[in-house]
Amino acid sequence: MGAILGIFCIIGVGGRIGFEGNEWFITGMWYNRVVMGAIIGFAGTWTLIPGKDNWLKNSAIRGLILGVFVTTAIAITTGFNDIPSWFAGVVYGVIIDVITTYYINKK
């Protein structure tokens, strides 16, 4: 999920700042989303709200926390000059966790 959403980051960031001359930054943005997906995947058993019926709330809050944590790393390296990417990372954290948790619970 992180790699797929990272493609949307490539399109968004490239559209805002341009693709040419920003290849390393855009690659770093994509990689940040891949790392976010991996960390969220490893945290799959981290329960914040007990109860099987609370999987949606649990995954949304967990994704929000981890999305903020991971995307802030790239925001710091840019001196917080790309705020839209930070917000996208927070939202992507929630999306990644909710979708992957849904499919895991579906089994």
Protein backbone atom coordinates (compact mmCIF):
# COMPACT_ATOMS: atom_id res chain seq x y z
CA MET A 1 0.00 0.00 0.00
CA GLY A 2 2.83 2.39 0.82
CA ALA A 3 4.48 1.83 -2.55
CA ILE A 4 1.20 2.36 -4.39
CA LEU A 5 0.32 5.54 -2.49
CA GLY A 6 3.92 6.65 -3.00
CA ILE A 7 3.18 6.81 -6.72
CA PHE A 8 0.46 9.37 -5.96
CA CYS A 9 3.07 11.32 -3.99
CA ILE A 10 5.39 11.27 -7.00
CA ILE A 11 2.61 12.69 -9.16
CA GLY A 12 1.58 15.30 -6.57
CA VAL A 13 5.05 16.49 -5.63
CA GLY A 14 6.27 16.43 -9.22
CA GLY A 15 3.24 18.42 -10.30
CA ARG A 16 3.86 21.05 -7.62
CA ILE A 17 7.63 21.47 -7.81
CA GLY A 18 8.46 19.89 -11.17
CA PHE A 19 10.00 16.55 -11.99
CA GLU A 20 13.21 17.72 -13.62
CA GLY A 21 15.96 18.41 -11.14
CA ASN A 22 13.96 16.99 -8.23
CA GLU A 23 14.42 13.29 -8.92
CA TRP A 24 16.15 12.54 -5.61
CA PHE A 25 13.56 14.38 -3.56
CA ILE A 26 10.69 12.66 -5.37
CA THR A 27 12.38 9.28 -4.94
CA GLY A 28 12.86 10.04 -1.24
CA MET A 29 9.18 10.91 -0.94
CA TRP A 30 8.18 7.60 -2.52
CA TYR A 31 10.61 5.72 -0.29
CA ASN A 32 9.18 7.47 2.77
CA ARG A 33 5.76 6.05 1.87
CA VAL A 34 7.24 2.57 1.41
CA VAL A 35 8.83 2.79 4.87
CA MET A 36 5.52 4.01 6.27
CA GLY A 37 3.74 0.98 4.83
CA ALA A 38 6.34 -1.38 6.29
CA ILE A 39 6.18 0.16 9.75
CA ILE A 40 2.39 0.10 9.74
CA GLY A 41 2.51 -3.52 8.62
CA PHE A 42 4.85 -4.45 11.47
CA ALA A 43 2.57 -2.63 13.93
CA GLY A 44 -0.45 -4.67 12.87
CA THR A 45 -0.86 -6.24 16.30
CA TRP A 46 -0.51 -2.94 18.16
CA THR A 47 -3.92 -2.52 19.79
CA LEU A 48 -4.91 0.89 21.09
CA ILE A 49 -8.63 0.23 21.55
CA PRO A 50 -9.36 -3.32 22.77
CA GLY A 51 -12.13 -5.35 21.20
CA LYS A 52 -12.56 -7.04 17.84
CA ASP A 53 -15.41 -4.68 16.94
CA ASN A 54 -13.07 -1.69 17.27
CA TRP A 55 -10.73 -2.69 14.42
CA LEU A 56 -11.66 0.36 12.34
CA LYS A 57 -11.09 2.90 15.12
CA ASN A 58 -7.94 1.08 16.20
CA SER A 59 -6.45 0.99 12.70
CA ALA A 60 -7.40 4.61 11.95
CA ILE A 61 -5.77 5.91 15.14
CA ARG A 62 -2.73 3.67 14.74
CA GLY A 63 -2.34 4.77 11.10
CA LEU A 64 -2.68 8.41 12.13
CA ILE A 65 0.01 8.12 14.80
CA LEU A 66 2.43 6.20 12.59
CA GLY A 67 1.66 8.41 9.58
CA VAL A 68 2.59 11.51 11.59
CA PHE A 69 5.69 9.79 12.97
CA VAL A 70 7.05 8.64 9.61
CA THR A 71 6.07 11.59 7.42
CA THR A 72 7.54 14.06 9.89
CA ALA A 73 10.97 12.62 9.09
CA ILE A 74 10.82 13.88 5.53
CA ALA A 75 9.22 17.16 6.63
CA ILE A 76 12.16 17.82 8.94
CA THR A 77 14.67 17.17 6.15
CA THR A 78 12.94 19.75 3.96
CA GLY A 79 12.70 22.33 6.71
CA PHE A 80 8.90 21.92 6.61
CA ASN A 81 8.86 23.49 3.14
CA ASP A 82 6.45 20.90 1.72
CA ILE A 83 3.45 20.99 4.06
CA PRO A 84 1.02 19.40 1.53
CA SER A 85 3.22 16.29 1.45
CA TRP A 86 3.18 16.15 5.25
CA PHE A 87 -0.63 16.22 5.33
CA ALA A 88 -0.76 13.62 2.55
CA GLY A 89 1.54 11.38 4.60
CA VAL A 90 -0.73 11.64 7.62
CA VAL A 91 -3.77 10.73 5.53
CA TYR A 92 -1.87 7.95 3.76
CA GLY A 93 -0.94 6.47 7.14
CA VAL A 94 -4.63 6.13 7.98
CA ILE A 95 -5.48 4.76 4.53
CA ILE A 96 -2.67 2.20 4.61
CA ASP A 97 -3.62 0.92 8.06
CA VAL A 98 -7.38 0.80 7.50
CA ILE A 99 -7.13 -0.99 4.14
CA THR A 100 -4.54 -3.53 5.24
CA THR A 101 -6.34 -4.20 8.53
CA TYR A 102 -9.61 -4.69 6.66
CA TYR A 103 -8.07 -7.32 4.38
CA ILE A 104 -6.34 -9.07 7.27
CA ASN A 105 -9.60 -9.24 9.25
CA LYS A 106 -11.47 -10.48 6.16
CA LYS A 107 -9.55 -13.80 6.22
